[in-house]
Amino acid sequence: MRITILDGDMNQARSDYSIFMDELVLLLKKDHSVDYYPIDKMELQYCSGCWCCWWKTPGECSQKDGAEQIFRSYINSDFIIYSSPLMVGFTSSALKKIVDRLIVLLHPYIQMKMGESHHNKRYDRYPEFGLILQREEDTDEEDIGITNNIYDRLALNFHSKRKYTRFIENTNPKEILNETCNI
């Protein structure tokens, strides 16, 4: 299985989260092809909303900053893991930065889906995904519900499905390995 991990950790110090993710990446790499991207350590730009990826250079972002490697890995993967400590009740701005740029993987053309307007596919298939999060001290069920809802909306637009949301506080890397590999 080919897995792409988009890690939105913005903490520069070693933490429970980074230790957890290091262990998970090592476990996954034993039997799978894993592309791991620590987004905050990459010099990626925010989406400028120029629409070049739709009209001027279809399927190619006008910003040449290394995101092209992530796009290729993403669309060629069997499974995606979005991971991030929650910050102010949601995933980090680093993770949001790359999620916004994934729009390059869709057509600008629209279709109706469940009574809503959504982008047409640019590719035949899109990988399903899981969320790995770390709660903040004050994370509540509303924060978790909003985060899941937004990623479910992302899945709908990307012709995909969120398969799980797991929190590092009450799971371990082996459980996530098993859940990811049994999809």
N, C-alpha and C. Protein backbone atom coordinates (compact mmCIF):
# COMPACT_ATOMS: atom_id res chain seq x y z
N MET A 1 0.84 -1.17 0.00
CA MET A 1 0.00 0.00 0.00
C MET A 1 0.89 1.25 0.00
N ARG A 2 0.50 2.23 -0.76
CA ARG A 2 1.22 3.50 -0.78
C ARG A 2 0.45 4.51 0.08
N ILE A 3 1.14 5.10 1.05
CA ILE A 3 0.52 6.00 2.02
C ILE A 3 1.26 7.34 1.99
N THR A 4 0.50 8.42 1.97
CA THR A 4 1.06 9.76 2.08
C THR A 4 0.59 10.35 3.41
N ILE A 5 1.54 10.88 4.17
CA ILE A 5 1.23 11.51 5.45
C ILE A 5 1.52 13.00 5.32
N LEU A 6 0.50 13.81 5.56
CA LEU A 6 0.64 15.26 5.58
C LEU A 6 0.56 15.70 7.04
N ASP A 7 1.72 16.03 7.61
CA ASP A 7 1.84 16.32 9.04
C ASP A 7 1.87 17.82 9.27
N GLY A 8 0.89 18.33 9.99
CA GLY A 8 0.77 19.76 10.24
C GLY A 8 1.35 20.22 11.56
N ASP A 9 2.21 19.42 12.19
CA ASP A 9 2.81 19.83 13.46
C ASP A 9 3.63 21.09 13.27
N MET A 10 3.40 22.09 14.13
CA MET A 10 4.14 23.35 14.05
C MET A 10 5.06 23.54 15.27
N ASN A 11 5.07 22.57 16.16
CA ASN A 11 5.90 22.65 17.36
C ASN A 11 7.33 22.26 16.99
N GLN A 12 8.27 23.13 17.25
CA GLN A 12 9.67 22.86 16.90
C GLN A 12 10.35 21.94 17.90
N ALA A 13 9.81 21.84 19.11
CA ALA A 13 10.40 20.98 20.14
C ALA A 13 9.83 19.57 20.04
N ARG A 14 10.58 18.60 20.55
CA ARG A 14 10.07 17.23 20.63
C ARG A 14 8.87 17.22 21.56
N SER A 15 7.86 16.48 21.18
CA SER A 15 6.63 16.43 21.97
C SER A 15 6.05 15.03 21.89
N ASP A 16 5.02 14.78 22.69
CA ASP A 16 4.32 13.50 22.62
C ASP A 16 3.81 13.25 21.21
N TYR A 17 3.35 14.31 20.57
CA TYR A 17 2.83 14.20 19.21
C TYR A 17 3.94 13.77 18.24
N SER A 18 5.08 14.45 18.26
CA SER A 18 6.16 14.12 17.31
C SER A 18 6.71 12.72 17.57
N ILE A 19 6.79 12.32 18.82
CA ILE A 19 7.24 10.95 19.15
C ILE A 19 6.25 9.93 18.59
N PHE A 20 4.96 10.20 18.76
CA PHE A 20 3.91 9.33 18.24
C PHE A 20 4.03 9.20 16.72
N MET A 21 4.16 10.33 16.04
CA MET A 21 4.22 10.31 14.58
C MET A 21 5.49 9.61 14.08
N ASP A 22 6.62 9.84 14.74
CA ASP A 22 7.86 9.14 14.35
C ASP A 22 7.67 7.63 14.43
N GLU A 23 7.05 7.17 15.52
CA GLU A 23 6.82 5.73 15.69
C GLU A 23 5.86 5.20 14.63
N LEU A 24 4.82 5.95 14.33
CA LEU A 24 3.85 5.52 13.31
C LEU A 24 4.51 5.42 11.94
N VAL A 25 5.29 6.42 11.58
CA VAL A 25 5.96 6.41 10.27
C VAL A 25 6.89 5.20 10.17
N LEU A 26 7.65 4.92 11.22
CA LEU A 26 8.54 3.74 11.20
C LEU A 26 7.76 2.45 11.04
N LEU A 27 6.66 2.32 11.77
CA LEU A 27 5.83 1.11 11.65
C LEU A 27 5.26 0.95 10.24
N LEU A 28 4.74 2.02 9.68
CA LEU A 28 4.15 1.95 8.34
C LEU A 28 5.20 1.62 7.29
N LYS A 29 6.41 2.17 7.45
CA LYS A 29 7.47 1.96 6.45
C LYS A 29 7.98 0.53 6.42
N LYS A 30 7.70 -0.25 7.45
CA LYS A 30 8.16 -1.65 7.46
C LYS A 30 7.56 -2.45 6.32
N ASP A 31 6.28 -2.19 6.01
CA ASP A 31 5.60 -3.00 5.00
C ASP A 31 4.93 -2.20 3.88
N HIS A 32 5.10 -0.88 3.91
CA HIS A 32 4.40 -0.05 2.94
C HIS A 32 5.32 1.03 2.40
N SER A 33 4.93 1.58 1.27
CA SER A 33 5.63 2.73 0.71
C SER A 33 5.00 3.97 1.34
N VAL A 34 5.80 4.75 2.06
CA VAL A 34 5.29 5.90 2.80
C VAL A 34 6.02 7.17 2.36
N ASP A 35 5.24 8.17 1.98
CA ASP A 35 5.77 9.51 1.73
C ASP A 35 5.31 10.38 2.89
N TYR A 36 6.27 10.87 3.66
CA TYR A 36 5.98 11.66 4.86
C TYR A 36 6.38 13.11 4.62
N TYR A 37 5.43 14.03 4.81
CA TYR A 37 5.70 15.44 4.57
C TYR A 37 5.43 16.25 5.85
N PRO A 38 6.49 16.71 6.52
CA PRO A 38 6.32 17.62 7.66
C PRO A 38 6.10 19.03 7.11
N ILE A 39 4.87 19.40 6.91
CA ILE A 39 4.49 20.59 6.15
C ILE A 39 5.16 21.86 6.68
N ASP A 40 5.21 22.04 8.00
CA ASP A 40 5.77 23.27 8.55
C ASP A 40 7.27 23.41 8.31
N LYS A 41 7.93 22.31 8.04
CA LYS A 41 9.37 22.35 7.79
C LYS A 41 9.69 22.57 6.30
N MET A 42 8.64 22.59 5.49
CA MET A 42 8.81 22.81 4.06
C MET A 42 8.51 24.28 3.75
N GLU A 43 9.15 24.81 2.76
CA GLU A 43 8.92 26.20 2.40
C GLU A 43 7.80 26.28 1.35
N LEU A 44 6.59 26.07 1.82
CA LEU A 44 5.42 26.07 0.95
C LEU A 44 4.69 27.40 1.06
N GLN A 45 4.15 27.83 -0.06
CA GLN A 45 3.38 29.06 -0.10
C GLN A 45 1.89 28.74 0.13
N TYR A 46 1.15 29.75 0.49
CA TYR A 46 -0.30 29.61 0.57
C TYR A 46 -0.88 29.71 -0.84
N CYS A 47 -2.05 29.12 -1.03
CA CYS A 47 -2.75 29.27 -2.31
C CYS A 47 -3.04 30.75 -2.52
N SER A 48 -2.70 31.24 -3.70
CA SER A 48 -2.92 32.66 -4.00
C SER A 48 -4.28 32.89 -4.64
N GLY A 49 -4.99 31.82 -4.97
CA GLY A 49 -6.29 31.97 -5.60
C GLY A 49 -6.22 32.50 -7.02
N CYS A 50 -5.09 32.26 -7.69
CA CYS A 50 -4.90 32.81 -9.04
C CYS A 50 -5.66 32.02 -10.12
N TRP A 51 -6.05 30.82 -9.81
CA TRP A 51 -6.78 29.94 -10.72
C TRP A 51 -5.96 29.45 -11.90
N CYS A 52 -4.66 29.72 -11.89
CA CYS A 52 -3.81 29.23 -12.99
C CYS A 52 -3.88 27.71 -13.09
N CYS A 53 -3.99 27.02 -11.95
CA CYS A 53 -4.04 25.56 -11.97
C CYS A 53 -5.29 25.02 -12.66
N TRP A 54 -6.25 25.88 -12.88
CA TRP A 54 -7.46 25.47 -13.58
C TRP A 54 -7.47 25.95 -15.02
N TRP A 55 -7.03 27.17 -15.26
CA TRP A 55 -7.23 27.76 -16.58
C TRP A 55 -5.95 27.93 -17.39
N LYS A 56 -4.89 28.42 -16.77
CA LYS A 56 -3.68 28.73 -17.52
C LYS A 56 -2.78 27.50 -17.70
N THR A 57 -2.56 26.76 -16.63
CA THR A 57 -1.73 25.54 -16.65
C THR A 57 -2.50 24.43 -15.95
N PRO A 58 -3.53 23.88 -16.59
CA PRO A 58 -4.42 22.92 -15.93
C PRO A 58 -3.67 21.79 -15.20
N GLY A 59 -3.99 21.65 -13.91
CA GLY A 59 -3.38 20.61 -13.10
C GLY A 59 -2.02 20.95 -12.55
N GLU A 60 -1.51 22.14 -12.84
CA GLU A 60 -0.20 22.56 -12.34
C GLU A 60 -0.34 23.86 -11.58
N CYS A 61 0.19 23.89 -10.37
CA CYS A 61 0.19 25.12 -9.57
C CYS A 61 1.25 26.07 -10.11
N SER A 62 0.93 27.36 -10.13
CA SER A 62 1.88 28.35 -10.63
C SER A 62 3.02 28.60 -9.65
N GLN A 63 2.83 28.22 -8.40
CA GLN A 63 3.88 28.40 -7.39
C GLN A 63 4.80 27.19 -7.40
N LYS A 64 6.04 27.39 -7.67
CA LYS A 64 7.01 26.30 -7.75
C LYS A 64 7.80 26.25 -6.44
N ASP A 65 7.25 25.51 -5.49
CA ASP A 65 7.83 25.51 -4.14
C ASP A 65 7.96 24.12 -3.52
N GLY A 66 7.81 23.09 -4.30
CA GLY A 66 7.92 21.73 -3.76
C GLY A 66 6.58 21.05 -3.53
N ALA A 67 5.50 21.80 -3.63
CA ALA A 67 4.18 21.20 -3.44
C ALA A 67 3.86 20.20 -4.55
N GLU A 68 4.48 20.36 -5.72
CA GLU A 68 4.23 19.44 -6.83
C GLU A 68 4.51 18.00 -6.41
N GLN A 69 5.55 17.81 -5.62
CA GLN A 69 5.90 16.47 -5.11
C GLN A 69 4.76 15.93 -4.23
N ILE A 70 4.19 16.78 -3.42
CA ILE A 70 3.08 16.37 -2.56
C ILE A 70 1.86 16.02 -3.41
N PHE A 71 1.57 16.83 -4.43
CA PHE A 71 0.41 16.56 -5.29
C PHE A 71 0.55 15.20 -5.96
N ARG A 72 1.74 14.92 -6.50
CA ARG A 72 1.98 13.63 -7.17
C ARG A 72 1.82 12.47 -6.18
N SER A 73 2.41 12.62 -5.02
CA SER A 73 2.32 11.58 -4.01
C SER A 73 0.86 11.36 -3.60
N TYR A 74 0.15 12.45 -3.39
CA TYR A 74 -1.25 12.38 -2.96
C TYR A 74 -2.09 11.57 -3.94
N ILE A 75 -2.06 11.96 -5.18
CA ILE A 75 -2.96 11.35 -6.16
C ILE A 75 -2.54 9.92 -6.49
N ASN A 76 -1.29 9.57 -6.25
CA ASN A 76 -0.83 8.21 -6.52
C ASN A 76 -0.88 7.31 -5.29
N SER A 77 -1.38 7.81 -4.19
CA SER A 77 -1.45 7.02 -2.95
C SER A 77 -2.73 6.21 -2.87
N ASP A 78 -2.65 5.17 -2.06
CA ASP A 78 -3.82 4.37 -1.75
C ASP A 78 -4.56 4.93 -0.55
N PHE A 79 -3.82 5.64 0.31
CA PHE A 79 -4.40 6.18 1.53
C PHE A 79 -3.62 7.42 1.95
N ILE A 80 -4.34 8.39 2.51
CA ILE A 80 -3.74 9.63 2.99
C ILE A 80 -3.97 9.72 4.49
N ILE A 81 -2.97 10.18 5.21
CA ILE A 81 -3.15 10.50 6.63
C ILE A 81 -2.89 11.98 6.80
N TYR A 82 -3.91 12.70 7.27
CA TYR A 82 -3.76 14.08 7.68
C TYR A 82 -3.51 14.04 9.18
N SER A 83 -2.45 14.67 9.64
CA SER A 83 -2.18 14.65 11.07
C SER A 83 -1.83 16.05 11.56
N SER A 84 -2.27 16.34 12.79
CA SER A 84 -2.01 17.67 13.34
C SER A 84 -2.43 17.73 14.80
N PRO A 85 -1.67 18.44 15.61
CA PRO A 85 -2.22 18.82 16.92
C PRO A 85 -3.34 19.83 16.66
N LEU A 86 -4.38 19.78 17.45
CA LEU A 86 -5.42 20.79 17.31
C LEU A 86 -4.89 22.11 17.88
N MET A 87 -5.23 23.18 17.20
CA MET A 87 -4.81 24.52 17.61
C MET A 87 -6.02 25.43 17.50
N VAL A 88 -6.45 25.96 18.60
CA VAL A 88 -7.64 26.79 18.64
C VAL A 88 -8.83 26.01 18.07
N GLY A 89 -8.89 24.74 18.39
CA GLY A 89 -10.03 23.91 18.02
C GLY A 89 -10.03 23.32 16.63
N PHE A 90 -8.93 23.49 15.88
CA PHE A 90 -8.90 22.95 14.52
C PHE A 90 -7.47 22.52 14.18
N THR A 91 -7.31 21.86 13.04
CA THR A 91 -5.97 21.48 12.60
C THR A 91 -5.14 22.73 12.34
N SER A 92 -3.84 22.56 12.30
CA SER A 92 -2.93 23.70 12.20
C SER A 92 -3.03 24.45 10.87
N SER A 93 -2.56 25.69 10.89
CA SER A 93 -2.52 26.48 9.65
C SER A 93 -1.55 25.86 8.65
N ALA A 94 -0.52 25.17 9.13
CA ALA A 94 0.40 24.50 8.21
C ALA A 94 -0.33 23.43 7.40
N LEU A 95 -1.15 22.62 8.07
CA LEU A 95 -1.90 21.58 7.36
C LEU A 95 -2.93 22.23 6.44
N LYS A 96 -3.61 23.25 6.90
CA LYS A 96 -4.59 23.94 6.07
C LYS A 96 -3.95 24.53 4.82
N LYS A 97 -2.71 24.97 4.95
CA LYS A 97 -1.99 25.55 3.81
C LYS A 97 -1.92 24.56 2.65
N ILE A 98 -1.56 23.31 2.93
CA ILE A 98 -1.43 22.34 1.84
C ILE A 98 -2.81 21.81 1.42
N VAL A 99 -3.73 21.68 2.36
CA VAL A 99 -5.07 21.21 2.00
C VAL A 99 -5.70 22.18 0.99
N ASP A 100 -5.54 23.48 1.21
CA ASP A 100 -6.08 24.46 0.27
C ASP A 100 -5.45 24.30 -1.12
N ARG A 101 -4.19 23.98 -1.16
CA ARG A 101 -3.49 23.87 -2.45
C ARG A 101 -3.85 22.59 -3.20
N LEU A 102 -4.46 21.63 -2.53
CA LEU A 102 -4.85 20.38 -3.20
C LEU A 102 -5.92 20.60 -4.27
N ILE A 103 -6.50 21.79 -4.33
CA ILE A 103 -7.52 22.11 -5.33
C ILE A 103 -6.99 21.88 -6.75
N VAL A 104 -5.66 21.92 -6.90
CA VAL A 104 -5.02 21.66 -8.20
C VAL A 104 -5.39 20.26 -8.72
N LEU A 105 -5.78 19.36 -7.83
CA LEU A 105 -6.09 17.99 -8.22
C LEU A 105 -7.52 17.80 -8.74
N LEU A 106 -8.27 18.89 -8.79
CA LEU A 106 -9.65 18.84 -9.26
C LEU A 106 -9.82 19.72 -10.50
N HIS A 107 -10.88 19.45 -11.25
CA HIS A 107 -11.25 20.32 -12.37
C HIS A 107 -12.01 21.53 -11.85
N PRO A 108 -11.98 22.62 -12.59
CA PRO A 108 -12.78 23.77 -12.19
C PRO A 108 -14.27 23.56 -12.48
N TYR A 109 -14.56 22.58 -13.32
CA TYR A 109 -15.94 22.35 -13.72
C TYR A 109 -16.72 21.73 -12.57
N ILE A 110 -17.99 22.02 -12.53
CA ILE A 110 -18.83 21.69 -11.39
C ILE A 110 -19.88 20.65 -11.76
N GLN A 111 -20.19 19.81 -10.80
CA GLN A 111 -21.29 18.86 -10.93
C GLN A 111 -22.13 18.95 -9.66
N MET A 112 -23.37 18.54 -9.77
CA MET A 112 -24.25 18.51 -8.61
C MET A 112 -24.06 17.18 -7.90
N LYS A 113 -23.88 17.24 -6.59
CA LYS A 113 -23.69 16.04 -5.78
C LYS A 113 -24.43 16.28 -4.47
N MET A 114 -25.40 15.46 -4.20
CA MET A 114 -26.20 15.59 -2.98
C MET A 114 -26.84 16.98 -2.89
N GLY A 115 -27.26 17.51 -4.03
CA GLY A 115 -27.91 18.80 -4.07
C GLY A 115 -26.97 19.99 -3.91
N GLU A 116 -25.66 19.75 -4.04
CA GLU A 116 -24.66 20.80 -3.87
C GLU A 116 -23.73 20.82 -5.08
N SER A 117 -23.06 21.94 -5.27
CA SER A 117 -22.08 22.07 -6.35
C SER A 117 -20.72 21.60 -5.86
N HIS A 118 -20.11 20.68 -6.60
CA HIS A 118 -18.78 20.15 -6.27
C HIS A 118 -17.96 20.00 -7.55
N HIS A 119 -16.65 20.04 -7.39
CA HIS A 119 -15.75 19.96 -8.54
C HIS A 119 -15.75 18.58 -9.18
N ASN A 120 -15.59 18.56 -10.49
CA ASN A 120 -15.41 17.30 -11.22
C ASN A 120 -14.02 16.75 -10.93
N LYS A 121 -13.90 15.45 -11.12
CA LYS A 121 -12.61 14.78 -10.94
C LYS A 121 -11.64 15.17 -12.06
N ARG A 122 -10.39 15.34 -11.71
CA ARG A 122 -9.33 15.47 -12.71
C ARG A 122 -8.70 14.09 -12.95
N TYR A 123 -8.78 13.23 -11.93
CA TYR A 123 -8.18 11.88 -12.00
C TYR A 123 -9.25 10.83 -11.78
N ASP A 124 -8.96 9.61 -12.19
CA ASP A 124 -9.94 8.53 -12.08
C ASP A 124 -10.30 8.18 -10.65
N ARG A 125 -9.31 8.25 -9.77
CA ARG A 125 -9.59 7.88 -8.38
C ARG A 125 -8.83 8.81 -7.43
N TYR A 126 -9.42 8.94 -6.24
CA TYR A 126 -8.83 9.75 -5.18
C TYR A 126 -8.76 8.88 -3.93
N PRO A 127 -7.67 8.98 -3.18
CA PRO A 127 -7.51 8.11 -2.02
C PRO A 127 -8.40 8.50 -0.85
N GLU A 128 -8.82 7.49 -0.10
CA GLU A 128 -9.52 7.73 1.16
C GLU A 128 -8.49 8.20 2.18
N PHE A 129 -8.96 8.70 3.32
CA PHE A 129 -8.01 9.24 4.29
C PHE A 129 -8.45 9.03 5.73
N GLY A 130 -7.48 9.22 6.62
CA GLY A 130 -7.72 9.21 8.05
C GLY A 130 -7.16 10.48 8.67
N LEU A 131 -7.70 10.82 9.83
CA LEU A 131 -7.23 11.98 10.59
C LEU A 131 -6.58 11.50 11.88
N ILE A 132 -5.39 11.99 12.16
CA ILE A 132 -4.74 11.74 13.45
C ILE A 132 -4.53 13.10 14.10
N LEU A 133 -5.11 13.25 15.29
CA LEU A 133 -5.11 14.55 15.96
C LEU A 133 -4.59 14.42 17.39
N GLN A 134 -4.15 15.54 17.91
CA GLN A 134 -3.82 15.63 19.33
C GLN A 134 -4.70 16.72 19.91
N ARG A 135 -5.42 16.37 20.96
CA ARG A 135 -6.32 17.34 21.59
C ARG A 135 -5.52 18.42 22.31
N GLU A 136 -6.13 19.60 22.37
CA GLU A 136 -5.64 20.66 23.25
C GLU A 136 -6.25 20.41 24.63
N GLU A 137 -5.78 21.14 25.59
CA GLU A 137 -6.31 20.99 26.94
C GLU A 137 -7.82 21.25 26.99
N ASP A 138 -8.30 22.22 26.21
CA ASP A 138 -9.71 22.59 26.25
C ASP A 138 -10.52 22.08 25.05
N THR A 139 -10.02 21.08 24.32
CA THR A 139 -10.76 20.52 23.19
C THR A 139 -12.05 19.90 23.70
N ASP A 140 -13.15 20.24 23.05
CA ASP A 140 -14.44 19.65 23.43
C ASP A 140 -15.06 18.94 22.22
N GLU A 141 -16.21 18.35 22.45
CA GLU A 141 -16.88 17.59 21.38
C GLU A 141 -17.28 18.47 20.21
N GLU A 142 -17.57 19.73 20.47
CA GLU A 142 -17.91 20.64 19.37
C GLU A 142 -16.71 20.84 18.45
N ASP A 143 -15.50 21.02 19.03
CA ASP A 143 -14.28 21.15 18.22
C ASP A 143 -14.09 19.91 17.34
N ILE A 144 -14.26 18.75 17.94
CA ILE A 144 -14.07 17.50 17.20
C ILE A 144 -15.12 17.37 16.10
N GLY A 145 -16.36 17.71 16.41
CA GLY A 145 -17.43 17.65 15.42
C GLY A 145 -17.18 18.58 14.24
N ILE A 146 -16.73 19.80 14.53
CA ILE A 146 -16.44 20.76 13.46
C ILE A 146 -15.30 20.25 12.59
N THR A 147 -14.24 19.76 13.21
CA THR A 147 -13.08 19.25 12.46
C THR A 147 -13.50 18.08 11.57
N ASN A 148 -14.24 17.13 12.13
CA ASN A 148 -14.71 16.00 11.32
C ASN A 148 -15.61 16.46 10.20
N ASN A 149 -16.49 17.41 10.48
CA ASN A 149 -17.40 17.91 9.46
C ASN A 149 -16.64 18.56 8.31
N ILE A 150 -15.65 19.37 8.62
CA ILE A 150 -14.89 20.04 7.56
C ILE A 150 -14.12 19.03 6.72
N TYR A 151 -13.52 18.02 7.36
CA TYR A 151 -12.80 17.01 6.58
C TYR A 151 -13.77 16.10 5.82
N ASP A 152 -14.98 15.90 6.33
CA ASP A 152 -15.98 15.17 5.55
C ASP A 152 -16.39 15.97 4.31
N ARG A 153 -16.46 17.28 4.45
CA ARG A 153 -16.77 18.14 3.31
C ARG A 153 -15.63 18.08 2.28
N LEU A 154 -14.39 18.06 2.79
CA LEU A 154 -13.23 17.91 1.91
C LEU A 154 -13.34 16.59 1.15
N ALA A 155 -13.69 15.53 1.86
CA ALA A 155 -13.83 14.21 1.23
C ALA A 155 -14.90 14.23 0.14
N LEU A 156 -16.00 14.89 0.41
CA LEU A 156 -17.08 14.98 -0.58
C LEU A 156 -16.58 15.67 -1.85
N ASN A 157 -15.87 16.77 -1.69
CA ASN A 157 -15.37 17.50 -2.85
C ASN A 157 -14.28 16.71 -3.57
N PHE A 158 -13.52 15.90 -2.83
CA PHE A 158 -12.43 15.13 -3.42
C PHE A 158 -12.83 13.70 -3.76
N HIS A 159 -14.14 13.44 -3.85
CA HIS A 159 -14.61 12.12 -4.29
C HIS A 159 -13.97 11.02 -3.46
N SER A 160 -13.95 11.22 -2.16
CA SER A 160 -13.22 10.36 -1.24
C SER A 160 -14.06 10.09 0.00
N LYS A 161 -13.40 9.60 1.05
CA LYS A 161 -14.10 9.31 2.30
C LYS A 161 -13.11 9.37 3.45
N ARG A 162 -13.55 9.99 4.55
CA ARG A 162 -12.76 9.95 5.79
C ARG A 162 -13.07 8.61 6.45
N LYS A 163 -12.04 7.79 6.65
CA LYS A 163 -12.23 6.46 7.21
C LYS A 163 -12.15 6.44 8.73
N TYR A 164 -11.38 7.36 9.31
CA TYR A 164 -11.29 7.40 10.77
C TYR A 164 -10.75 8.74 11.24
N THR A 165 -11.02 9.02 12.50
CA THR A 165 -10.37 10.10 13.24
C THR A 165 -9.87 9.47 14.53
N ARG A 166 -8.60 9.61 14.80
CA ARG A 166 -7.99 9.05 16.01
C ARG A 166 -7.19 10.13 16.72
N PHE A 167 -7.17 10.01 18.04
CA PHE A 167 -6.44 10.95 18.88
C PHE A 167 -5.27 10.24 19.53
N ILE A 168 -4.12 10.87 19.50
CA ILE A 168 -2.92 10.20 20.00
C ILE A 168 -3.02 9.90 21.50
N GLU A 169 -3.90 10.61 22.21
CA GLU A 169 -4.02 10.40 23.65
C GLU A 169 -4.68 9.08 24.01
N ASN A 170 -5.47 8.51 23.12
CA ASN A 170 -6.17 7.28 23.49
C ASN A 170 -6.03 6.17 22.45
N THR A 171 -4.92 6.20 21.73
CA THR A 171 -4.62 5.14 20.77
C THR A 171 -3.10 5.00 20.73
N ASN A 172 -2.63 4.04 19.99
CA ASN A 172 -1.19 3.90 19.81
C ASN A 172 -0.90 3.67 18.33
N PRO A 173 0.33 3.87 17.93
CA PRO A 173 0.67 3.73 16.51
C PRO A 173 0.31 2.36 15.91
N LYS A 174 0.41 1.28 16.70
CA LYS A 174 0.06 -0.04 16.16
C LYS A 174 -1.42 -0.13 15.82
N GLU A 175 -2.27 0.48 16.62
CA GLU A 175 -3.71 0.47 16.33
C GLU A 175 -4.00 1.23 15.03
N ILE A 176 -3.31 2.35 14.85
CA ILE A 176 -3.51 3.11 13.61
C ILE A 176 -2.95 2.35 12.41
N LEU A 177 -1.81 1.69 12.59
CA LEU A 177 -1.26 0.84 11.53
C LEU A 177 -2.29 -0.20 11.12
N ASN A 178 -2.85 -0.90 12.10
CA ASN A 178 -3.84 -1.95 11.81
C ASN A 178 -5.08 -1.38 11.13
N GLU A 179 -5.57 -0.26 11.63
CA GLU A 179 -6.77 0.32 11.04
C GLU A 179 -6.51 0.81 9.62
N THR A 180 -5.36 1.42 9.40
CA THR A 180 -5.01 1.91 8.05
C THR A 180 -4.85 0.76 7.09
N CYS A 181 -4.21 -0.30 7.51
CA CYS A 181 -3.93 -1.44 6.61
C CYS A 181 -5.14 -2.33 6.37
N ASN A 182 -6.15 -2.20 7.20
CA ASN A 182 -7.36 -3.03 7.03
C ASN A 182 -8.46 -2.31 6.27
N ILE A 183 -8.10 -1.25 5.58
CA ILE A 183 -9.10 -0.48 4.82
C ILE A 183 -9.21 -1.04 3.43
